[in-house]
Amino acid sequence: MAHVVAMVVEGLRGFVRTLWGLQERRFSAIFNVVSSTALFMTMSLAFCFLSLQRYRGAEMGLAFF
């Protein structure tokens, strides 16, 4: 009986480890997507402001900086 309980506990332990690993992988993927999106948006916004400053010239001055 003790052997069966030990097998069940070991099976549950493996199941929990697998679920925990999948959660960590999912959170890692979400973090990578969010950080890449934030970088892309920041770079796009900077490019937009630089383009506006270049085309508007001295009229705009350093309003955004």
C-alpha atoms as a PDB file:
ATOM      1  CA  MET A   1       0.000   0.000   0.000  1.00  0.00           C
ATOM      2  CA  ALA A   2       2.821   2.395   0.848  1.00  0.00           C
ATOM      3  CA  HIS A   3       4.415   1.644  -2.520  1.00  0.00           C
ATOM      4  CA  VAL A   4       1.210   2.625  -4.359  1.00  0.00           C
ATOM      5  CA  VAL A   5       0.927   5.871  -2.380  1.00  0.00           C
ATOM      6  CA  ALA A   6       4.569   6.667  -3.168  1.00  0.00           C
ATOM      7  CA  MET A   7       3.912   6.086  -6.887  1.00  0.00           C
ATOM      8  CA  VAL A   8       0.846   8.342  -6.817  1.00  0.00           C
ATOM      9  CA  VAL A   9       2.757  11.077  -4.982  1.00  0.00           C
ATOM     10  CA  GLU A  10       5.638  10.808  -7.462  1.00  0.00           C
ATOM     11  CA  GLY A  11       3.195  11.027 -10.375  1.00  0.00           C
ATOM     12  CA  LEU A  12       1.553  14.114  -8.889  1.00  0.00           C
ATOM     13  CA  ARG A  13       4.963  15.655  -8.304  1.00  0.00           C
ATOM     14  CA  GLY A  14       5.872  15.146 -11.965  1.00  0.00           C
ATOM     15  CA  PHE A  15       2.522  16.575 -13.057  1.00  0.00           C
ATOM     16  CA  VAL A  16       2.977  19.692 -10.916  1.00  0.00           C
ATOM     17  CA  ARG A  17       6.544  20.177 -12.184  1.00  0.00           C
ATOM     18  CA  THR A  18       5.316  19.952 -15.768  1.00  0.00           C
ATOM     19  CA  LEU A  19       2.550  22.496 -15.164  1.00  0.00           C
ATOM     20  CA  TRP A  20       4.970  24.800 -13.353  1.00  0.00           C
ATOM     21  CA  GLY A  21       7.450  24.606 -16.256  1.00  0.00           C
ATOM     22  CA  LEU A  22       4.727  25.380 -18.776  1.00  0.00           C
ATOM     23  CA  GLN A  23       3.609  28.408 -16.733  1.00  0.00           C
ATOM     24  CA  GLU A  24       7.174  29.716 -16.555  1.00  0.00           C
ATOM     25  CA  ARG A  25       7.577  29.275 -20.300  1.00  0.00           C
ATOM     26  CA  ARG A  26       4.286  31.077 -20.954  1.00  0.00           C
ATOM     27  CA  PHE A  27       5.219  34.015 -18.703  1.00  0.00           C
ATOM     28  CA  SER A  28       8.620  34.217 -20.351  1.00  0.00           C
ATOM     29  CA  ALA A  29       7.007  34.364 -23.795  1.00  0.00           C
ATOM     30  CA  ILE A  30       4.552  37.051 -22.644  1.00  0.00           C
ATOM     31  CA  PHE A  31       7.401  39.114 -21.168  1.00  0.00           C
ATOM     32  CA  ASN A  32       9.363  38.859 -24.426  1.00  0.00           C
ATOM     33  CA  VAL A  33       6.348  39.997 -26.456  1.00  0.00           C
ATOM     34  CA  VAL A  34       5.594  42.927 -24.144  1.00  0.00           C
ATOM     35  CA  SER A  35       9.206  44.111 -24.000  1.00  0.00           C
ATOM     36  CA  SER A  36       9.593  43.862 -27.786  1.00  0.00           C
ATOM     37  CA  THR A  37       6.345  45.791 -28.285  1.00  0.00           C
ATOM     38  CA  ALA A  38       7.430  48.501 -25.849  1.00  0.00           C
ATOM     39  CA  LEU A  39      10.779  48.843 -27.621  1.00  0.00           C
ATOM     40  CA  PHE A  40       9.078  49.050 -31.022  1.00  0.00           C
ATOM     41  CA  MET A  41       6.602  51.689 -29.824  1.00  0.00           C
ATOM     42  CA  THR A  42       9.366  53.771 -28.199  1.00  0.00           C
ATOM     43  CA  MET A  43      11.516  53.678 -31.308  1.00  0.00           C
ATOM     44  CA  SER A  44       8.539  54.550 -33.536  1.00  0.00           C
ATOM     45  CA  LEU A  45       7.584  57.480 -31.329  1.00  0.00           C
ATOM     46  CA  ALA A  46      11.169  58.781 -31.299  1.00  0.00           C
ATOM     47  CA  PHE A  47      11.370  58.464 -35.090  1.00  0.00           C
ATOM     48  CA  CYS A  48       8.059  60.303 -35.437  1.00  0.00           C
ATOM     49  CA  PHE A  49       9.215  63.181 -33.227  1.00  0.00           C
ATOM     50  CA  LEU A  50      12.539  63.414 -35.035  1.00  0.00           C
ATOM     51  CA  SER A  51      10.776  63.464 -38.395  1.00  0.00           C
ATOM     52  CA  LEU A  52       8.407  66.192 -37.222  1.00  0.00           C
ATOM     53  CA  GLN A  53      11.297  68.273 -35.949  1.00  0.00           C
ATOM     54  CA  ARG A  54      13.232  67.877 -39.186  1.00  0.00           C
ATOM     55  CA  TYR A  55      10.290  68.835 -41.437  1.00  0.00           C
ATOM     56  CA  ARG A  56       9.005  71.705 -39.324  1.00  0.00           C
ATOM     57  CA  GLY A  57      12.504  73.089 -38.839  1.00  0.00           C
ATOM     58  CA  ALA A  58      13.192  76.086 -36.614  1.00  0.00           C
ATOM     59  CA  GLU A  59       9.494  76.892 -36.280  1.00  0.00           C
ATOM     60  CA  MET A  60       9.040  74.113 -33.757  1.00  0.00           C
ATOM     61  CA  GLY A  61      12.268  74.645 -31.812  1.00  0.00           C
ATOM     62  CA  LEU A  62      12.880  72.241 -28.968  1.00  0.00           C
ATOM     63  CA  ALA A  63       9.255  71.815 -27.964  1.00  0.00           C
ATOM     64  CA  PHE A  64       9.454  68.049 -27.628  1.00  0.00           C
ATOM     65  CA  PHE A  65      12.882  67.860 -26.046  1.00  0.00           C
END
